[in-house]
């Protein structure tokens, strides 16, 4: 009964409300920034390679890795496979669309996070809760957003990541002998590892993700390219199916809740999180001379997540010759596809990839939760509070390993949707500051200067912790 209720809510949320607000909002930002996601690609690369302004500060690259750690996760493997099995090949096209359009939203929200970031004892911090409170002067709405973020990332996404990880072991003989026991054992192991990392503090999270994410992403994409090359003759028919199914109007409107459009947008949003309001929490920690630099970096993060990693999974599966079906939905489809091409090595590779993806996802998610807790309490909690929080967070990860996949996907979709429904209208209202900051950045670049930002130059009269 709970699963049916959750499913009904997600159908309404993603069939109408979120599709409209994400697409219209993304298109608005794309045109107002004059296609910043394409036009300033060179600046994106330049910004991500810059060193932090202060010695020991968080660099743009490190902030990118934390946000990418949350974006690039189990959803890039299991989420994409689920979309293919339930929505068809056409869902890949709609994932691309939501990423391309959504990257403009990612630019605006991350630029705003930099403008309204706060000074911390070790590094800056911020996010949607802070620009809601700082620019809109609405503390209650900011607290509600923080609460939804905690529920989404601390509970929904982490339980789902835990489930997705343990499900990749389902094809092994030892798992099949005790299918009701192994999920809890695997969940306990990953929960213990995450707990160990958490007790090392936020610095360890940033260092761990900055090392693991590039390695994880490059290795995964290389293997995917090898598989696609082995099946390169199948590419013309794959592209044909992607576009024909993406624009099969009769199939789409005949059952929209199960269409490629809905699954493409749902799983694309779950994967790249553009407009959700999560990545700005990492963006605010970067030490940069101009807020636009970190906005450009987050555009790059969306492209890495969807255009590279999600596409790698999709083409790796589609080129294998294994037909996606509802029965194979999720990890089993990826394992079947890799087994078809790589033999026994396939399931082993995907298991290793899932371990790395899940681990970095869990760490990135809890980094966001940590910042949301600080916002609600208006201070950094003490050691006792954190010790209790870390234990609870680890137990949630353990619990997620043994629950229903459909229920976990539904809960994550609803809470993520709630965050989006708050964040998107807010950044549409405050978008003018990001647009003015972009104009200021481009003007200084044309003058041959290294862009330096001052809040008063774009009409912000309120005192900010930085940029005065």
Protein backbone atom coordinates (compact mmCIF):
# COMPACT_ATOMS: atom_id res chain seq x y z
CA UNK A 1 0.00 0.00 0.00
CA UNK A 2 2.87 2.37 0.83
CA UNK A 3 4.57 1.54 -2.47
CA UNK A 4 1.35 2.28 -4.39
CA UNK A 5 0.95 5.62 -2.60
CA UNK A 6 4.58 6.58 -3.30
CA UNK A 7 4.22 5.50 -6.94
CA UNK A 8 1.09 7.62 -7.37
CA UNK A 9 2.80 10.72 -6.00
CA UNK A 10 5.87 10.28 -8.23
CA UNK A 11 3.65 9.81 -11.31
CA UNK A 12 1.93 13.16 -10.70
CA UNK A 13 5.16 14.92 -9.73
CA UNK A 14 7.19 13.78 -12.75
CA UNK A 15 4.40 13.58 -15.33
CA UNK A 16 3.44 17.21 -15.04
CA UNK A 17 4.93 19.49 -12.39
CA UNK A 18 8.67 18.82 -12.49
CA UNK A 19 8.90 18.36 -16.25
CA UNK A 20 7.35 21.79 -16.76
CA UNK A 21 9.40 23.62 -14.15
CA UNK A 22 12.73 21.98 -15.09
CA UNK A 23 12.38 22.40 -18.83
CA UNK A 24 10.97 25.94 -18.75
CA UNK A 25 13.42 27.03 -16.04
CA UNK A 26 16.38 25.49 -17.85
CA UNK A 27 15.38 27.05 -21.15
CA UNK A 28 14.96 30.44 -19.49
CA UNK A 29 18.45 30.25 -17.97
CA UNK A 30 19.92 28.98 -21.25
CA UNK A 31 18.61 31.96 -23.23
CA UNK A 32 19.31 34.55 -20.48
CA UNK A 33 22.94 33.41 -20.21
CA UNK A 34 23.19 33.20 -24.02
CA UNK A 35 23.92 29.47 -23.95
CA UNK A 36 26.64 29.68 -21.31
CA UNK A 37 26.98 25.87 -21.21
CA UNK A 38 28.37 25.87 -24.78
CA UNK A 39 29.67 29.39 -25.28
CA UNK A 40 32.12 29.40 -22.36
CA UNK A 41 33.39 25.81 -22.48
CA UNK A 42 36.99 27.04 -22.58
CA UNK A 43 36.39 29.13 -19.45
CA UNK A 44 34.97 26.03 -17.73
CA UNK A 45 38.24 24.17 -18.31
CA UNK A 46 40.27 27.20 -17.21
CA UNK A 47 38.25 27.63 -14.01
CA UNK A 48 38.52 24.01 -12.91
CA UNK A 49 42.32 24.03 -13.17
CA UNK A 50 42.87 27.18 -11.07
CA UNK A 51 44.44 26.92 -7.64
CA UNK A 52 42.58 28.24 -4.56
CA UNK A 53 43.11 31.89 -3.63
CA UNK A 54 44.33 31.03 -0.14
CA UNK A 55 46.84 28.39 0.90
CA UNK A 56 44.96 25.38 2.22
CA UNK A 57 41.64 26.55 0.75
CA UNK A 58 39.30 24.29 -1.18
CA UNK A 59 40.05 24.47 -4.91
CA UNK A 60 37.46 24.57 -7.69
CA UNK A 61 38.61 21.09 -8.67
CA UNK A 62 38.04 19.71 -5.17
CA UNK A 63 34.59 21.29 -4.99
CA UNK A 64 33.86 19.81 -8.42
CA UNK A 65 34.89 16.37 -7.17
CA UNK A 66 32.61 16.57 -4.11
CA UNK A 67 29.59 17.55 -6.23
CA UNK A 68 30.53 14.99 -8.89
CA UNK A 69 30.91 12.35 -6.15
CA UNK A 70 27.23 12.81 -5.36
CA UNK A 71 26.16 13.13 -9.00
CA UNK A 72 28.27 10.26 -10.34
CA UNK A 73 27.01 7.31 -8.39
CA UNK A 74 24.94 4.17 -8.55
CA UNK A 75 22.29 6.05 -10.54
CA UNK A 76 24.75 6.22 -13.44
CA UNK A 77 24.74 2.43 -13.64
CA UNK A 78 21.53 1.09 -12.10
CA UNK A 79 19.47 4.22 -12.80
CA UNK A 80 20.35 4.26 -16.50
CA UNK A 81 19.76 0.50 -16.79
CA UNK A 82 16.36 0.91 -15.12
CA UNK A 83 15.41 3.69 -17.56
CA UNK A 84 16.41 1.52 -20.52
CA UNK A 85 14.44 -1.48 -19.26
CA UNK A 86 11.29 0.42 -18.33
CA UNK A 87 11.36 3.39 -20.72
CA UNK A 88 13.26 2.03 -23.73
CA UNK A 89 16.19 3.37 -25.76
CA UNK A 90 14.44 6.72 -26.22
CA UNK A 91 14.97 7.56 -22.54
CA UNK A 92 18.66 8.16 -23.31
CA UNK A 93 17.75 11.08 -25.56
CA UNK A 94 15.67 12.70 -22.83
CA UNK A 95 18.52 12.22 -20.34
CA UNK A 96 20.73 14.21 -22.71
CA UNK A 97 18.11 16.93 -23.08
CA UNK A 98 17.59 17.36 -19.32
CA UNK A 99 21.39 17.53 -18.85
CA UNK A 100 22.01 20.08 -21.62
CA UNK A 101 19.15 22.34 -20.54
CA UNK A 102 19.71 21.70 -16.84
CA UNK A 103 23.39 22.66 -16.97
CA UNK A 104 22.30 26.30 -17.29
CA UNK A 105 20.30 25.87 -14.06
CA UNK A 106 23.40 24.35 -12.45
CA UNK A 107 25.38 27.45 -13.46
CA UNK A 108 22.86 29.84 -11.86
CA UNK A 109 22.41 27.94 -8.59
CA UNK A 110 26.15 27.46 -8.05
CA UNK A 111 26.95 31.09 -8.86
CA UNK A 112 24.32 32.20 -6.32
CA UNK A 113 25.81 29.81 -3.74
CA UNK A 114 29.19 31.50 -4.17
CA UNK A 115 27.74 35.01 -3.89
CA UNK A 116 25.93 34.25 -0.63
CA UNK A 117 28.43 31.83 0.92
CA UNK A 118 29.46 32.12 4.57
CA UNK A 119 32.83 32.16 6.30
CA UNK A 120 33.63 29.05 8.31
CA UNK A 121 36.54 28.22 10.62
CA UNK A 122 38.33 26.17 7.94
CA UNK A 123 36.56 26.96 4.68
CA UNK A 124 33.54 28.75 3.28
CA UNK A 125 30.14 27.05 3.16
CA UNK A 126 26.69 27.74 1.76
CA UNK A 127 24.02 26.53 -0.65
CA UNK A 128 20.34 27.15 -1.44
CA UNK A 129 19.38 27.49 2.23
CA UNK A 130 21.80 30.40 2.53
CA UNK A 131 20.77 32.29 -0.60
CA UNK A 132 17.11 31.75 0.33
CA UNK A 133 17.81 33.22 3.76
CA UNK A 134 20.32 35.86 2.64
CA UNK A 135 18.62 37.19 -0.48
CA UNK A 136 14.94 36.42 0.10
CA UNK A 137 15.09 36.93 3.91
CA UNK A 138 13.00 33.79 4.37
CA UNK A 139 14.44 31.71 7.20
CA UNK A 140 11.45 29.27 7.47
CA UNK A 141 11.66 28.32 3.78
CA UNK A 142 15.42 27.91 4.08
CA UNK A 143 14.98 25.53 7.03
CA UNK A 144 12.35 23.53 5.12
CA UNK A 145 14.79 23.18 2.21
CA UNK A 146 17.55 22.01 4.56
CA UNK A 147 15.19 19.46 6.10
CA UNK A 148 14.28 18.06 2.68
CA UNK A 149 17.96 17.90 1.78
CA UNK A 150 18.71 15.88 4.91
CA UNK A 151 15.85 13.48 4.17
CA UNK A 152 16.80 13.18 0.50
CA UNK A 153 20.54 12.67 0.81
CA UNK A 154 20.89 11.32 4.31
CA UNK A 155 18.03 8.82 4.00
CA UNK A 156 16.53 8.39 0.50
CA UNK A 157 19.62 8.49 -1.71
CA UNK A 158 21.93 6.71 0.72
CA UNK A 159 19.48 3.86 1.30
CA UNK A 160 19.08 3.52 -2.46
CA UNK A 161 22.85 3.58 -3.07
CA UNK A 162 23.26 0.84 -0.48
CA UNK A 163 20.56 -1.28 -2.13
CA UNK A 164 22.00 -0.76 -5.62
CA UNK A 165 25.45 -1.81 -4.42
CA UNK A 166 24.36 -5.03 -2.76
CA UNK A 167 22.13 -5.93 -5.74
CA UNK A 168 25.19 -6.23 -8.01
CA UNK A 169 26.24 -9.30 -6.00
CA UNK A 170 22.97 -11.08 -6.81
CA UNK A 171 24.48 -12.95 -9.78
CA UNK A 172 27.16 -14.63 -7.67
CA UNK A 173 26.69 -18.17 -6.36
CA UNK A 174 27.33 -17.34 -2.71
CA UNK A 175 24.57 -14.69 -2.80
CA UNK A 176 22.02 -17.04 -4.34
CA UNK A 177 22.52 -19.55 -1.50
CA UNK A 178 21.37 -16.99 1.12
CA UNK A 179 19.59 -14.12 -0.70
CA UNK A 180 17.93 -12.89 2.50
CA UNK A 181 21.19 -12.73 4.46
CA UNK A 182 23.81 -11.33 2.10
CA UNK A 183 22.13 -7.92 1.57
CA UNK A 184 22.52 -7.23 5.28
CA UNK A 185 26.13 -8.46 5.38
CA UNK A 186 27.12 -6.34 2.38
CA UNK A 187 25.20 -3.38 3.82
CA UNK A 188 27.02 -3.75 7.13
CA UNK A 189 30.43 -3.73 5.42
CA UNK A 190 29.75 -0.58 3.37
CA UNK A 191 28.16 1.14 6.39
CA UNK A 192 31.24 0.37 8.48
CA UNK A 193 33.60 1.79 5.84
CA UNK A 194 31.56 4.98 5.49
CA UNK A 195 31.39 5.40 9.28
CA UNK A 196 35.18 5.12 9.50
CA UNK A 197 35.60 7.84 6.86
CA UNK A 198 33.04 10.10 8.52
CA UNK A 199 34.83 10.06 11.85
CA UNK A 200 37.86 11.47 10.01
CA UNK A 201 36.00 14.74 9.36
CA UNK A 202 35.05 16.77 6.28
CA UNK A 203 38.63 17.21 5.06
CA UNK A 204 38.97 13.45 4.65
CA UNK A 205 35.76 13.38 2.60
CA UNK A 206 37.11 16.00 0.20
CA UNK A 207 40.50 14.27 -0.12
CA UNK A 208 38.94 10.83 -0.63
CA UNK A 209 36.55 11.98 -3.33
CA UNK A 210 39.15 14.10 -5.16
CA UNK A 211 41.27 10.95 -5.59
CA UNK A 212 38.56 8.34 -6.22
CA UNK A 213 36.18 10.17 -8.56
CA UNK A 214 38.64 10.79 -11.45
CA UNK A 215 39.97 7.23 -11.22
CA UNK A 216 36.48 5.77 -11.07
CA UNK A 217 35.11 7.83 -13.95
CA UNK A 218 38.05 7.36 -16.35
CA UNK A 219 38.25 3.57 -15.80
CA UNK A 220 34.52 3.16 -16.28
CA UNK A 221 34.40 5.22 -19.48
CA UNK A 222 37.43 3.39 -20.94
CA UNK A 223 35.82 -0.03 -20.41
CA UNK A 224 32.57 1.27 -21.89
CA UNK A 225 34.46 2.53 -24.97
CA UNK A 226 36.14 -0.85 -25.39
CA UNK A 227 32.75 -2.60 -25.30
CA UNK A 228 31.24 -0.14 -27.78
CA UNK A 229 34.22 -0.58 -30.13
CA UNK A 230 33.83 -4.37 -29.96
CA UNK A 231 30.23 -3.90 -31.07
CA UNK A 232 30.72 -0.84 -33.29
CA UNK A 233 28.63 -2.23 -36.15
CA UNK A 234 25.58 -1.96 -33.89
CA UNK A 235 25.90 1.83 -33.43
CA UNK A 236 23.80 2.95 -36.45
CA UNK A 237 20.84 0.85 -35.33
CA UNK A 238 21.28 2.01 -31.71
CA UNK A 239 21.11 5.69 -32.69
CA UNK A 240 18.16 4.88 -34.91
CA UNK A 241 16.27 3.32 -31.98
CA UNK A 242 17.18 6.15 -29.60
CA UNK A 243 15.69 8.83 -31.86
CA UNK A 244 12.76 6.82 -33.20
CA UNK A 245 11.63 5.80 -29.69
CA UNK A 246 12.29 9.28 -28.27
CA UNK A 247 9.78 10.76 -30.72
CA UNK A 248 7.26 7.93 -30.81
CA UNK A 249 4.35 10.25 -29.96
CA UNK A 250 1.72 7.51 -29.85
CA UNK A 251 3.73 5.40 -27.38
CA UNK A 252 4.64 8.42 -25.24
CA UNK A 253 1.14 9.79 -24.79
CA UNK A 254 -0.43 6.33 -24.72
CA UNK A 255 1.17 5.71 -21.35
CA UNK A 256 3.09 8.78 -20.25
CA UNK A 257 3.88 7.58 -16.71
CA UNK A 258 5.87 4.69 -18.20
CA UNK A 259 7.21 6.52 -21.25
CA UNK A 260 10.80 7.18 -22.30
CA UNK A 261 10.27 10.91 -21.58
CA UNK A 262 9.30 10.35 -17.95
CA UNK A 263 12.01 7.77 -17.25
CA UNK A 264 14.63 9.81 -19.08
CA UNK A 265 13.84 12.92 -17.06
CA UNK A 266 13.45 11.07 -13.74
CA UNK A 267 16.68 9.12 -14.02
CA UNK A 268 18.49 12.04 -15.68
CA UNK A 269 17.51 14.37 -12.85
CA UNK A 270 18.42 11.75 -10.25
CA UNK A 271 21.82 11.42 -11.89
CA UNK A 272 22.89 14.99 -12.68
CA UNK A 273 20.81 16.84 -10.02
CA UNK A 274 20.82 20.10 -12.01
CA UNK A 275 18.33 22.47 -10.39
CA UNK A 276 17.78 20.22 -7.37
CA UNK A 277 19.94 22.40 -5.11
CA UNK A 278 22.50 19.85 -3.97
CA UNK A 279 25.68 20.78 -5.87
CA UNK A 280 25.60 24.45 -4.68
CA UNK A 281 26.45 23.16 -1.20
CA UNK A 282 29.79 21.94 -2.56
CA UNK A 283 30.23 24.95 -4.86
CA UNK A 284 30.09 27.33 -1.91
CA UNK A 285 33.17 25.71 -0.37
CA UNK A 286 35.47 26.66 -3.26
CA UNK A 287 37.94 29.51 -2.79
CA UNK A 288 37.65 31.54 -6.02
CA UNK A 289 38.08 35.19 -6.98
CA UNK A 290 34.76 35.37 -8.83
CA UNK A 291 31.49 33.43 -8.23
CA UNK A 292 31.01 32.79 -11.95
CA UNK A 293 34.09 30.58 -12.00
CA UNK A 294 32.42 28.01 -9.78
CA UNK A 295 29.19 28.29 -11.75
CA UNK A 296 31.12 27.34 -14.88
CA UNK A 297 32.77 24.44 -13.04
CA UNK A 298 29.37 22.99 -12.13
CA UNK A 299 28.25 23.12 -15.76
CA UNK A 300 31.20 20.84 -16.45
CA UNK A 301 30.09 18.51 -13.64
CA UNK A 302 26.68 17.99 -15.27
CA UNK A 303 28.33 17.16 -18.60
CA UNK A 304 30.71 14.70 -16.91
CA UNK A 305 27.82 12.98 -15.19
CA UNK A 306 25.28 12.61 -17.98
CA UNK A 307 26.97 13.16 -21.33
CA UNK A 308 29.99 11.02 -20.37
CA UNK A 309 29.19 8.54 -17.57
CA UNK A 310 25.46 7.95 -18.17
CA UNK A 311 26.03 7.68 -21.90
CA UNK A 312 28.86 5.22 -21.24
CA UNK A 313 26.47 2.94 -19.35
CA UNK A 314 23.72 3.31 -21.95
CA UNK A 315 25.89 2.49 -24.97
CA UNK A 316 27.71 -0.27 -23.11
CA UNK A 317 24.33 -1.95 -22.50
CA UNK A 318 22.65 -1.12 -25.80
CA UNK A 319 25.56 -2.35 -27.94
CA UNK A 320 25.73 -5.74 -26.17
CA UNK A 321 22.75 -7.16 -28.02
CA UNK A 322 20.91 -8.01 -24.79
CA UNK A 323 17.35 -6.69 -25.06
CA UNK A 324 16.24 -4.65 -22.01
CA UNK A 325 13.15 -6.06 -20.30
CA UNK A 326 11.25 -5.23 -17.13
CA UNK A 327 12.50 -8.48 -15.56
CA UNK A 328 16.14 -7.42 -16.07
CA UNK A 329 15.53 -3.89 -14.73
CA UNK A 330 18.49 -2.44 -12.83
CA UNK A 331 21.82 -4.12 -12.09
CA UNK A 332 20.86 -7.50 -13.70
CA UNK A 333 20.60 -5.82 -17.13
CA UNK A 334 24.07 -4.26 -16.82
CA UNK A 335 25.54 -7.59 -15.68
CA UNK A 336 23.86 -9.49 -18.51
CA UNK A 337 25.11 -6.93 -21.05
CA UNK A 338 28.71 -7.08 -19.80
CA UNK A 339 28.69 -10.87 -19.56
CA UNK A 340 27.59 -11.03 -23.21
CA UNK A 341 30.60 -8.94 -24.30
CA UNK A 342 33.32 -9.55 -21.69
CA UNK A 343 32.38 -12.97 -20.34
CA UNK A 344 33.12 -13.70 -16.67
CA UNK A 345 35.08 -10.45 -16.31
CA UNK A 346 31.92 -8.39 -16.90
CA UNK A 347 30.09 -8.99 -13.60
CA UNK A 348 33.36 -8.59 -11.65
CA UNK A 349 34.09 -5.23 -13.30
CA UNK A 350 30.59 -3.88 -12.69
CA UNK A 351 30.75 -4.98 -9.05
CA UNK A 352 34.04 -3.11 -8.54
CA UNK A 353 32.63 -0.05 -10.34
CA UNK A 354 29.49 -0.13 -8.18
CA UNK A 355 31.58 -0.31 -4.99
CA UNK A 356 33.52 2.81 -6.01
CA UNK A 357 30.44 4.62 -7.30
CA UNK A 358 28.39 3.82 -4.19
CA UNK A 359 31.16 4.75 -1.77
CA UNK A 360 31.80 8.17 -3.32
CA UNK A 361 28.04 8.78 -3.58
CA UNK A 362 27.55 8.05 0.10
CA UNK A 363 30.39 10.36 1.13
CA UNK A 364 29.28 13.17 -1.17
CA UNK A 365 25.69 12.91 0.06
CA UNK A 366 26.67 13.06 3.74
CA UNK A 367 28.85 16.10 3.06
CA UNK A 368 25.66 17.87 1.95
CA UNK A 369 23.73 16.61 4.99
CA UNK A 370 26.44 17.93 7.29
CA UNK A 371 26.09 21.44 5.85
CA UNK A 372 22.27 21.31 6.08
CA UNK A 373 22.43 20.34 9.76
CA UNK A 374 24.74 23.28 10.47
CA UNK A 375 22.27 25.60 8.74
CA UNK A 376 19.28 24.45 10.77
CA UNK A 377 21.18 24.63 14.08
CA UNK A 378 22.92 27.92 13.14
CA UNK A 379 26.20 26.49 14.39
CA UNK A 380 28.61 23.61 14.00
CA UNK A 381 27.42 20.85 16.37
CA UNK A 382 29.68 19.34 19.00
CA UNK A 383 31.55 16.04 18.90
CA UNK A 384 28.83 14.11 20.73
CA UNK A 385 26.17 15.23 18.23
CA UNK A 386 28.36 14.24 15.31
CA UNK A 387 29.17 10.87 16.83
CA UNK A 388 25.44 10.10 17.16
CA UNK A 389 24.73 11.45 13.66
CA UNK A 390 27.49 9.35 12.07
CA UNK A 391 26.20 6.19 13.73
CA UNK A 392 22.60 6.91 12.61
CA UNK A 393 23.76 7.70 9.05
CA UNK A 394 25.62 4.39 8.94
CA UNK A 395 22.59 2.47 10.24
CA UNK A 396 20.44 4.05 7.50
CA UNK A 397 22.92 2.73 4.92
CA UNK A 398 22.65 -0.71 6.48
CA UNK A 399 18.83 -0.58 6.45
CA UNK A 400 18.67 0.44 2.78
CA UNK A 401 20.51 -2.70 1.69
CA UNK A 402 17.57 -4.93 2.60
CA UNK A 403 14.49 -2.92 1.53
CA UNK A 404 12.41 -2.89 -1.68
CA UNK A 405 13.98 -1.25 -4.73
CA UNK A 406 10.68 0.23 -5.95
CA UNK A 407 9.97 1.80 -2.57
CA UNK A 408 13.48 3.27 -2.31
CA UNK A 409 13.39 4.72 -5.85
CA UNK A 410 9.97 6.23 -5.10
CA UNK A 411 11.02 7.83 -1.80
CA UNK A 412 14.18 9.28 -3.38
CA UNK A 413 12.21 10.66 -6.33
CA UNK A 414 9.64 12.37 -4.07
CA UNK A 415 12.12 14.01 -1.69
CA UNK A 416 14.36 15.09 -4.58
CA UNK A 417 11.30 16.52 -6.30
CA UNK A 418 10.41 18.50 -3.16
CA UNK A 419 13.89 20.07 -3.11
CA UNK A 420 13.55 20.97 -6.77
CA UNK A 421 10.13 22.57 -6.26
CA UNK A 422 11.69 24.93 -3.71
CA UNK A 423 15.03 25.59 -5.42
CA UNK A 424 13.92 26.20 -9.02
CA UNK A 425 11.45 29.04 -8.30
CA UNK A 426 14.00 30.62 -5.94
CA UNK A 427 16.82 30.65 -8.52
CA UNK A 428 14.40 31.98 -11.15
CA UNK A 429 13.63 34.89 -8.80
CA UNK A 430 17.31 35.46 -7.89
CA UNK A 431 18.69 34.63 -11.33
CA UNK A 432 19.27 38.29 -12.18
CA UNK A 433 22.24 38.35 -9.78
CA UNK A 434 23.84 35.39 -11.58
CA UNK A 435 23.23 37.05 -14.97
CA UNK A 436 24.80 40.31 -13.79
CA UNK A 437 27.74 38.42 -12.29
CA UNK A 438 28.26 36.65 -15.64
CA UNK A 439 28.25 40.00 -17.47
CA UNK A 440 30.74 41.38 -14.94
CA UNK A 441 33.00 38.34 -15.40
CA UNK A 442 32.94 38.57 -19.19
CA UNK A 443 33.57 42.33 -19.16
CA UNK A 444 36.71 41.90 -17.03
CA UNK A 445 37.93 39.04 -19.22
CA UNK A 446 37.52 41.19 -22.36
CA UNK A 447 39.54 43.94 -20.66
CA UNK A 448 42.35 41.45 -20.12
CA UNK A 449 41.89 41.38 -16.35
CA UNK A 450 41.75 38.44 -13.96
CA UNK A 451 38.09 38.73 -12.89
CA UNK A 452 37.58 39.84 -9.28
CA UNK A 453 34.08 40.15 -7.89
CA UNK A 454 32.50 42.85 -5.72
CA UNK A 455 28.84 42.48 -4.72
CA UNK A 456 28.07 46.19 -5.14
CA UNK A 457 29.08 46.03 -8.81
CA UNK A 458 25.96 43.98 -9.61
CA UNK A 459 23.57 45.92 -7.36
CA UNK A 460 23.67 43.80 -4.20
CA UNK A 461 23.24 46.22 -1.32
CA UNK A 462 23.19 43.69 1.53
CA UNK A 463 26.42 42.93 3.35
CA UNK A 464 27.86 39.53 2.38
CA UNK A 465 30.54 37.51 4.17
CA UNK A 466 32.68 37.82 1.05
CA UNK A 467 32.81 40.18 -1.97
CA UNK A 468 32.60 43.50 -0.07
